[in-house]
């Protein structure tokens, strides 16, 4: 695989995990129910963050004259399935929703770390990913703090 194809593949993977993050937070927003408007606002902001990430990644993919593969990852599908199963067996309390959100945040953190450590990616792409990763880490820490306080 040539370097351009590899870069596009990595970027598409990150688009997909951002899709998973969006879907996870949309589910969390519905699951948390009424009376948690503060959490819904945070979830909505994080959804917007992932949409912004996807747009920036898509712009880079298009510079390689490739199309964005806008799907969901298998690991993300498993996470969403677990969120649905857990909702069936447990209450929709704030702490359990935040625990699931943190699990998703851990997954996206790992995906970005792996991509940034990829020696085949161009430096300018790593810079873009590092900038996105900083926002992801801040969101992760916010979710973790809310979980710990719940």
N, C-alpha and C. Protein backbone atom coordinates (compact mmCIF):
# COMPACT_ATOMS: atom_id res chain seq x y z
N UNK A 1 0.85 -1.17 0.00
CA UNK A 1 0.00 0.00 0.00
C UNK A 1 0.89 1.23 0.00
N UNK A 2 0.58 2.21 -0.85
CA UNK A 2 1.41 3.40 -0.88
C UNK A 2 1.04 4.33 0.28
N UNK A 3 1.89 5.31 0.50
CA UNK A 3 1.72 6.20 1.65
C UNK A 3 0.40 6.96 1.60
N UNK A 4 0.00 7.44 0.43
CA UNK A 4 -1.25 8.18 0.30
C UNK A 4 -2.44 7.29 0.65
N UNK A 5 -2.44 6.07 0.15
CA UNK A 5 -3.54 5.15 0.46
C UNK A 5 -3.59 4.84 1.94
N UNK A 6 -2.43 4.64 2.53
CA UNK A 6 -2.37 4.35 3.96
C UNK A 6 -2.91 5.54 4.77
N UNK A 7 -2.51 6.74 4.40
CA UNK A 7 -2.98 7.94 5.10
C UNK A 7 -4.49 8.06 5.00
N UNK A 8 -5.03 7.84 3.82
CA UNK A 8 -6.49 7.91 3.63
C UNK A 8 -7.18 6.85 4.47
N UNK A 9 -6.62 5.66 4.53
CA UNK A 9 -7.21 4.59 5.34
C UNK A 9 -7.24 4.99 6.82
N UNK A 10 -6.17 5.53 7.33
CA UNK A 10 -6.12 5.96 8.73
C UNK A 10 -7.13 7.08 8.98
N UNK A 11 -7.17 8.05 8.07
CA UNK A 11 -8.12 9.15 8.23
C UNK A 11 -9.56 8.67 8.16
N UNK A 12 -9.85 7.73 7.27
CA UNK A 12 -11.20 7.17 7.21
C UNK A 12 -11.55 6.44 8.50
N UNK A 13 -10.59 5.73 9.08
CA UNK A 13 -10.84 5.07 10.36
C UNK A 13 -11.22 6.10 11.43
N UNK A 14 -10.55 7.24 11.42
CA UNK A 14 -10.86 8.28 12.40
C UNK A 14 -12.20 8.93 12.12
N UNK A 15 -12.56 9.08 10.84
CA UNK A 15 -13.91 9.56 10.51
C UNK A 15 -14.93 8.59 11.10
N UNK A 16 -14.68 7.31 10.94
CA UNK A 16 -15.63 6.30 11.41
C UNK A 16 -15.75 6.29 12.93
N UNK A 17 -14.64 6.45 13.63
CA UNK A 17 -14.76 6.44 15.09
C UNK A 17 -15.42 7.74 15.58
N UNK A 18 -15.26 8.82 14.83
CA UNK A 18 -16.02 10.03 15.17
C UNK A 18 -17.51 9.80 14.93
N UNK A 19 -17.86 9.05 13.89
CA UNK A 19 -19.28 8.67 13.69
C UNK A 19 -19.79 7.88 14.89
N UNK A 20 -18.97 6.94 15.37
CA UNK A 20 -19.37 6.15 16.53
C UNK A 20 -19.59 7.05 17.75
N UNK A 21 -18.70 8.01 17.91
CA UNK A 21 -18.80 8.94 19.05
C UNK A 21 -20.10 9.75 18.95
N UNK A 22 -20.39 10.24 17.76
CA UNK A 22 -21.64 10.99 17.55
C UNK A 22 -22.84 10.12 17.90
N UNK A 23 -22.87 8.91 17.35
CA UNK A 23 -24.00 8.01 17.62
C UNK A 23 -24.11 7.67 19.10
N UNK A 24 -22.97 7.45 19.75
CA UNK A 24 -22.98 7.13 21.17
C UNK A 24 -23.54 8.27 22.01
N UNK A 25 -23.13 9.48 21.73
CA UNK A 25 -23.63 10.63 22.49
C UNK A 25 -25.09 10.95 22.15
N UNK A 26 -25.50 10.69 20.92
CA UNK A 26 -26.93 10.86 20.61
C UNK A 26 -27.76 9.88 21.42
N UNK A 27 -27.29 8.64 21.52
CA UNK A 27 -27.99 7.64 22.34
C UNK A 27 -27.97 8.04 23.81
N UNK A 28 -26.83 8.52 24.28
CA UNK A 28 -26.72 8.93 25.68
C UNK A 28 -27.67 10.09 25.98
N UNK A 29 -27.81 11.01 25.04
CA UNK A 29 -28.71 12.15 25.23
C UNK A 29 -30.15 11.66 25.39
N UNK A 30 -30.55 10.70 24.59
CA UNK A 30 -31.90 10.14 24.69
C UNK A 30 -32.05 9.32 25.97
N UNK A 31 -31.03 8.56 26.32
CA UNK A 31 -31.09 7.66 27.47
C UNK A 31 -31.16 8.42 28.79
N UNK A 32 -30.47 9.53 28.89
CA UNK A 32 -30.39 10.25 30.16
C UNK A 32 -31.73 10.85 30.57
N UNK A 33 -32.58 11.12 29.60
CA UNK A 33 -33.93 11.57 29.91
C UNK A 33 -34.00 13.02 30.36
N UNK A 34 -35.17 13.39 30.83
CA UNK A 34 -35.43 14.77 31.26
C UNK A 34 -34.75 15.06 32.59
N UNK A 35 -34.53 16.34 32.82
CA UNK A 35 -33.94 16.76 34.08
C UNK A 35 -32.42 16.79 34.10
N UNK A 36 -31.81 16.51 32.98
CA UNK A 36 -30.35 16.52 32.88
C UNK A 36 -29.91 17.42 31.74
N UNK A 37 -30.47 18.61 31.71
CA UNK A 37 -30.18 19.52 30.58
C UNK A 37 -28.71 19.90 30.53
N UNK A 38 -28.05 19.97 31.69
CA UNK A 38 -26.63 20.30 31.70
C UNK A 38 -25.81 19.22 30.98
N UNK A 39 -26.13 17.96 31.24
CA UNK A 39 -25.43 16.86 30.56
C UNK A 39 -25.76 16.84 29.08
N UNK A 40 -27.01 17.06 28.74
CA UNK A 40 -27.40 17.08 27.33
C UNK A 40 -26.64 18.16 26.57
N UNK A 41 -26.42 19.31 27.21
CA UNK A 41 -25.66 20.39 26.57
C UNK A 41 -24.21 19.96 26.34
N UNK A 42 -23.62 19.27 27.30
CA UNK A 42 -22.24 18.79 27.15
C UNK A 42 -22.18 17.75 26.03
N UNK A 43 -23.14 16.82 26.03
CA UNK A 43 -23.17 15.79 24.99
C UNK A 43 -23.32 16.43 23.61
N UNK A 44 -24.17 17.42 23.51
CA UNK A 44 -24.39 18.11 22.23
C UNK A 44 -23.12 18.82 21.78
N UNK A 45 -22.40 19.43 22.70
CA UNK A 45 -21.13 20.09 22.35
C UNK A 45 -20.13 19.07 21.83
N UNK A 46 -20.06 17.89 22.47
CA UNK A 46 -19.12 16.86 22.04
C UNK A 46 -19.52 16.31 20.67
N UNK A 47 -20.81 16.19 20.43
CA UNK A 47 -21.29 15.78 19.10
C UNK A 47 -20.79 16.79 18.06
N UNK A 48 -20.93 18.07 18.36
CA UNK A 48 -20.46 19.10 17.45
C UNK A 48 -18.95 19.03 17.22
N UNK A 49 -18.21 18.72 18.28
CA UNK A 49 -16.76 18.55 18.18
C UNK A 49 -16.42 17.43 17.19
N UNK A 50 -17.14 16.32 17.27
CA UNK A 50 -16.87 15.20 16.36
C UNK A 50 -17.27 15.54 14.93
N UNK A 51 -18.35 16.30 14.75
CA UNK A 51 -18.71 16.73 13.39
C UNK A 51 -17.59 17.61 12.83
N UNK A 52 -17.06 18.49 13.64
CA UNK A 52 -15.95 19.35 13.20
C UNK A 52 -14.74 18.51 12.84
N UNK A 53 -14.42 17.51 13.67
CA UNK A 53 -13.29 16.61 13.38
C UNK A 53 -13.49 15.92 12.04
N UNK A 54 -14.69 15.41 11.81
CA UNK A 54 -14.99 14.71 10.56
C UNK A 54 -14.80 15.62 9.35
N UNK A 55 -15.23 16.87 9.47
CA UNK A 55 -15.08 17.81 8.35
C UNK A 55 -13.61 18.05 8.04
N UNK A 56 -12.81 18.23 9.08
CA UNK A 56 -11.38 18.48 8.87
C UNK A 56 -10.70 17.24 8.28
N UNK A 57 -11.06 16.07 8.79
CA UNK A 57 -10.49 14.83 8.25
C UNK A 57 -10.92 14.63 6.80
N UNK A 58 -12.18 14.92 6.52
CA UNK A 58 -12.70 14.78 5.16
C UNK A 58 -11.98 15.70 4.18
N UNK A 59 -11.66 16.89 4.62
CA UNK A 59 -10.91 17.82 3.78
C UNK A 59 -9.55 17.23 3.41
N UNK A 60 -8.90 16.63 4.38
CA UNK A 60 -7.59 16.01 4.12
C UNK A 60 -7.74 14.80 3.19
N UNK A 61 -8.76 14.01 3.40
CA UNK A 61 -8.99 12.85 2.53
C UNK A 61 -9.18 13.31 1.09
N UNK A 62 -9.92 14.39 0.90
CA UNK A 62 -10.18 14.89 -0.44
C UNK A 62 -8.91 15.44 -1.11
N UNK A 63 -7.93 15.88 -0.32
CA UNK A 63 -6.68 16.34 -0.93
C UNK A 63 -5.95 15.19 -1.62
N UNK A 64 -6.26 13.97 -1.20
CA UNK A 64 -5.68 12.79 -1.85
C UNK A 64 -6.59 12.28 -2.97
N UNK A 65 -7.61 13.08 -3.28
CA UNK A 65 -8.58 12.74 -4.33
C UNK A 65 -9.26 11.40 -4.06
N UNK A 66 -9.61 11.22 -2.81
CA UNK A 66 -10.30 10.01 -2.38
C UNK A 66 -11.63 10.42 -1.75
N UNK A 67 -12.53 9.45 -1.64
CA UNK A 67 -13.82 9.68 -1.01
C UNK A 67 -13.77 9.26 0.46
N UNK A 68 -14.58 9.92 1.25
CA UNK A 68 -14.70 9.57 2.65
C UNK A 68 -15.57 8.32 2.75
N UNK A 69 -15.10 7.36 3.51
CA UNK A 69 -15.90 6.17 3.79
C UNK A 69 -16.63 6.43 5.09
N UNK A 70 -17.84 6.96 4.96
CA UNK A 70 -18.61 7.44 6.10
C UNK A 70 -19.46 6.31 6.67
N UNK A 71 -18.85 5.50 7.51
CA UNK A 71 -19.54 4.38 8.13
C UNK A 71 -19.21 4.36 9.60
N UNK A 72 -19.54 3.27 10.25
CA UNK A 72 -19.20 3.10 11.65
C UNK A 72 -18.22 1.95 11.78
N UNK A 73 -17.37 2.01 12.80
CA UNK A 73 -16.40 0.95 12.99
C UNK A 73 -17.03 -0.23 13.69
N UNK A 74 -16.44 -1.40 13.52
CA UNK A 74 -16.93 -2.59 14.21
C UNK A 74 -16.84 -2.42 15.71
N UNK A 75 -15.72 -1.91 16.21
CA UNK A 75 -15.60 -1.73 17.66
C UNK A 75 -16.63 -0.73 18.15
N UNK A 76 -16.92 0.28 17.37
CA UNK A 76 -17.96 1.24 17.74
C UNK A 76 -19.33 0.59 17.76
N UNK A 77 -19.60 -0.28 16.80
CA UNK A 77 -20.86 -1.00 16.80
C UNK A 77 -20.99 -1.83 18.07
N UNK A 78 -19.92 -2.47 18.49
CA UNK A 78 -19.96 -3.26 19.72
C UNK A 78 -20.23 -2.37 20.91
N UNK A 79 -19.63 -1.21 20.95
CA UNK A 79 -19.88 -0.28 22.06
C UNK A 79 -21.33 0.16 22.08
N UNK A 80 -21.88 0.51 20.92
CA UNK A 80 -23.28 0.94 20.89
C UNK A 80 -24.20 -0.20 21.29
N UNK A 81 -23.88 -1.40 20.86
CA UNK A 81 -24.69 -2.55 21.25
C UNK A 81 -24.63 -2.73 22.77
N UNK A 82 -23.45 -2.60 23.35
CA UNK A 82 -23.32 -2.73 24.80
C UNK A 82 -24.14 -1.67 25.50
N UNK A 83 -24.14 -0.45 24.99
CA UNK A 83 -24.93 0.62 25.58
C UNK A 83 -26.41 0.24 25.56
N UNK A 84 -26.87 -0.34 24.48
CA UNK A 84 -28.27 -0.75 24.39
C UNK A 84 -28.58 -1.89 25.35
N UNK A 85 -27.69 -2.87 25.43
CA UNK A 85 -27.91 -4.01 26.33
C UNK A 85 -27.89 -3.54 27.77
N UNK A 86 -26.95 -2.70 28.12
CA UNK A 86 -26.86 -2.21 29.48
C UNK A 86 -28.12 -1.43 29.85
N UNK A 87 -28.65 -0.67 28.92
CA UNK A 87 -29.86 0.10 29.19
C UNK A 87 -31.02 -0.84 29.53
N UNK A 88 -31.03 -2.01 28.94
CA UNK A 88 -32.09 -2.97 29.20
C UNK A 88 -32.00 -3.54 30.61
N UNK A 89 -30.79 -3.73 31.12
CA UNK A 89 -30.58 -4.37 32.41
C UNK A 89 -30.42 -3.42 33.58
N UNK A 90 -30.08 -2.18 33.33
CA UNK A 90 -29.85 -1.24 34.42
C UNK A 90 -30.71 -0.01 34.25
N UNK A 91 -30.75 0.77 35.31
CA UNK A 91 -31.52 2.02 35.24
C UNK A 91 -30.77 3.02 34.37
N UNK A 92 -31.49 4.04 33.98
CA UNK A 92 -30.89 5.07 33.14
C UNK A 92 -30.30 6.17 34.02
N UNK A 93 -29.56 5.76 35.04
CA UNK A 93 -29.03 6.78 35.94
C UNK A 93 -27.83 7.47 35.32
N UNK A 94 -27.56 8.63 35.85
CA UNK A 94 -26.51 9.49 35.31
C UNK A 94 -25.15 8.80 35.31
N UNK A 95 -24.81 8.13 36.40
CA UNK A 95 -23.49 7.52 36.51
C UNK A 95 -23.29 6.42 35.46
N UNK A 96 -24.29 5.56 35.24
CA UNK A 96 -24.11 4.48 34.26
C UNK A 96 -23.97 5.04 32.84
N UNK A 97 -24.70 6.11 32.52
CA UNK A 97 -24.58 6.73 31.20
C UNK A 97 -23.19 7.33 31.05
N UNK A 98 -22.72 8.01 32.08
CA UNK A 98 -21.39 8.62 32.02
C UNK A 98 -20.29 7.56 31.94
N UNK A 99 -20.49 6.43 32.60
CA UNK A 99 -19.50 5.34 32.49
C UNK A 99 -19.41 4.84 31.06
N UNK A 100 -20.54 4.69 30.40
CA UNK A 100 -20.53 4.26 29.01
C UNK A 100 -19.91 5.32 28.10
N UNK A 101 -20.19 6.59 28.38
CA UNK A 101 -19.59 7.66 27.59
C UNK A 101 -18.07 7.65 27.76
N UNK A 102 -17.61 7.41 28.97
CA UNK A 102 -16.17 7.36 29.19
C UNK A 102 -15.53 6.19 28.45
N UNK A 103 -16.23 5.07 28.38
CA UNK A 103 -15.73 3.93 27.61
C UNK A 103 -15.54 4.33 26.15
N UNK A 104 -16.49 5.05 25.59
CA UNK A 104 -16.38 5.54 24.23
C UNK A 104 -15.25 6.54 24.07
N UNK A 105 -15.09 7.41 25.05
CA UNK A 105 -14.00 8.39 25.01
C UNK A 105 -12.64 7.68 25.05
N UNK A 106 -12.54 6.61 25.84
CA UNK A 106 -11.30 5.84 25.88
C UNK A 106 -10.98 5.26 24.50
N UNK A 107 -12.00 4.80 23.79
CA UNK A 107 -11.80 4.22 22.46
C UNK A 107 -11.30 5.26 21.46
N UNK A 108 -11.88 6.45 21.47
CA UNK A 108 -11.44 7.45 20.51
C UNK A 108 -10.06 7.97 20.88
N UNK A 109 -9.77 8.08 22.17
CA UNK A 109 -8.41 8.48 22.59
C UNK A 109 -7.37 7.50 22.06
N UNK A 110 -7.67 6.21 22.20
CA UNK A 110 -6.74 5.18 21.74
C UNK A 110 -6.56 5.25 20.22
N UNK A 111 -7.64 5.46 19.49
CA UNK A 111 -7.56 5.53 18.03
C UNK A 111 -6.68 6.70 17.59
N UNK A 112 -6.85 7.84 18.23
CA UNK A 112 -6.04 9.00 17.87
C UNK A 112 -4.58 8.80 18.25
N UNK A 113 -4.32 8.22 19.40
CA UNK A 113 -2.94 7.96 19.82
C UNK A 113 -2.25 7.03 18.83
N UNK A 114 -2.94 5.97 18.43
CA UNK A 114 -2.39 5.02 17.47
C UNK A 114 -2.09 5.72 16.14
N UNK A 115 -3.00 6.56 15.68
CA UNK A 115 -2.79 7.26 14.41
C UNK A 115 -1.61 8.23 14.50
N UNK A 116 -1.52 8.96 15.59
CA UNK A 116 -0.44 9.94 15.73
C UNK A 116 0.92 9.24 15.80
N UNK A 117 0.96 8.05 16.36
CA UNK A 117 2.21 7.29 16.46
C UNK A 117 2.59 6.59 15.16
N UNK A 118 1.70 6.60 14.18
CA UNK A 118 1.94 5.94 12.90
C UNK A 118 3.04 6.67 12.14
N UNK A 119 4.15 6.02 11.95
CA UNK A 119 5.31 6.65 11.32
C UNK A 119 5.10 6.95 9.83
N UNK A 120 4.11 6.33 9.21
CA UNK A 120 3.87 6.56 7.78
C UNK A 120 3.04 7.81 7.50
N UNK A 121 2.41 8.37 8.52
CA UNK A 121 1.59 9.56 8.30
C UNK A 121 2.46 10.79 8.14
N UNK A 122 2.07 11.67 7.22
CA UNK A 122 2.82 12.93 7.06
C UNK A 122 2.72 13.77 8.34
N UNK A 123 3.75 14.56 8.59
CA UNK A 123 3.82 15.38 9.80
C UNK A 123 2.64 16.35 9.90
N UNK A 124 2.23 16.95 8.77
CA UNK A 124 1.13 17.91 8.83
C UNK A 124 -0.19 17.23 9.22
N UNK A 125 -0.37 15.96 8.84
CA UNK A 125 -1.57 15.22 9.23
C UNK A 125 -1.51 14.95 10.73
N UNK A 126 -0.34 14.57 11.22
CA UNK A 126 -0.19 14.34 12.66
C UNK A 126 -0.48 15.61 13.46
N UNK A 127 -0.12 16.77 12.90
CA UNK A 127 -0.42 18.04 13.57
C UNK A 127 -1.93 18.25 13.69
N UNK A 128 -2.65 17.96 12.63
CA UNK A 128 -4.11 18.08 12.64
C UNK A 128 -4.70 17.12 13.69
N UNK A 129 -4.20 15.89 13.68
CA UNK A 129 -4.70 14.90 14.62
C UNK A 129 -4.38 15.27 16.06
N UNK A 130 -3.19 15.82 16.29
CA UNK A 130 -2.80 16.23 17.64
C UNK A 130 -3.71 17.34 18.16
N UNK A 131 -4.06 18.26 17.28
CA UNK A 131 -4.98 19.35 17.67
C UNK A 131 -6.35 18.77 18.04
N UNK A 132 -6.85 17.85 17.23
CA UNK A 132 -8.13 17.22 17.54
C UNK A 132 -8.03 16.41 18.83
N UNK A 133 -6.90 15.72 19.01
CA UNK A 133 -6.73 14.89 20.19
C UNK A 133 -6.77 15.73 21.47
N UNK A 134 -6.24 16.92 21.44
CA UNK A 134 -6.26 17.77 22.63
C UNK A 134 -7.70 18.07 23.06
N UNK A 135 -8.57 18.33 22.10
CA UNK A 135 -9.99 18.58 22.41
C UNK A 135 -10.66 17.30 22.91
N UNK A 136 -10.30 16.18 22.31
CA UNK A 136 -10.86 14.89 22.73
C UNK A 136 -10.44 14.59 24.17
N UNK A 137 -9.18 14.83 24.49
CA UNK A 137 -8.70 14.60 25.85
C UNK A 137 -9.42 15.49 26.86
N UNK A 138 -9.66 16.75 26.49
CA UNK A 138 -10.38 17.66 27.37
C UNK A 138 -11.81 17.16 27.60
N UNK A 139 -12.47 16.69 26.54
CA UNK A 139 -13.83 16.14 26.69
C UNK A 139 -13.81 14.88 27.53
N UNK A 140 -12.83 14.02 27.30
CA UNK A 140 -12.70 12.80 28.11
C UNK A 140 -12.57 13.15 29.58
N UNK A 141 -11.69 14.09 29.89
CA UNK A 141 -11.48 14.47 31.29
C UNK A 141 -12.73 15.07 31.91
N UNK A 142 -13.49 15.82 31.12
CA UNK A 142 -14.74 16.39 31.60
C UNK A 142 -15.76 15.28 31.91
N UNK A 143 -15.89 14.32 31.01
CA UNK A 143 -16.82 13.20 31.23
C UNK A 143 -16.39 12.39 32.45
N UNK A 144 -15.09 12.14 32.57
CA UNK A 144 -14.57 11.37 33.71
C UNK A 144 -14.85 12.10 35.02
N UNK A 145 -14.63 13.39 35.07
CA UNK A 145 -14.90 14.17 36.27
C UNK A 145 -16.38 14.14 36.63
N UNK A 146 -17.24 14.26 35.63
CA UNK A 146 -18.69 14.18 35.88
C UNK A 146 -19.08 12.80 36.40
N UNK A 147 -18.47 11.76 35.81
CA UNK A 147 -18.74 10.39 36.27
C UNK A 147 -18.31 10.22 37.73
N UNK A 148 -17.12 10.71 38.06
CA UNK A 148 -16.61 10.58 39.41
C UNK A 148 -17.47 11.33 40.43
N UNK A 149 -18.07 12.45 39.98
CA UNK A 149 -18.91 13.26 40.86
C UNK A 149 -20.32 12.70 41.01
N UNK A 150 -20.72 11.84 40.07
CA UNK A 150 -22.10 11.33 40.08
C UNK A 150 -22.33 10.33 41.20
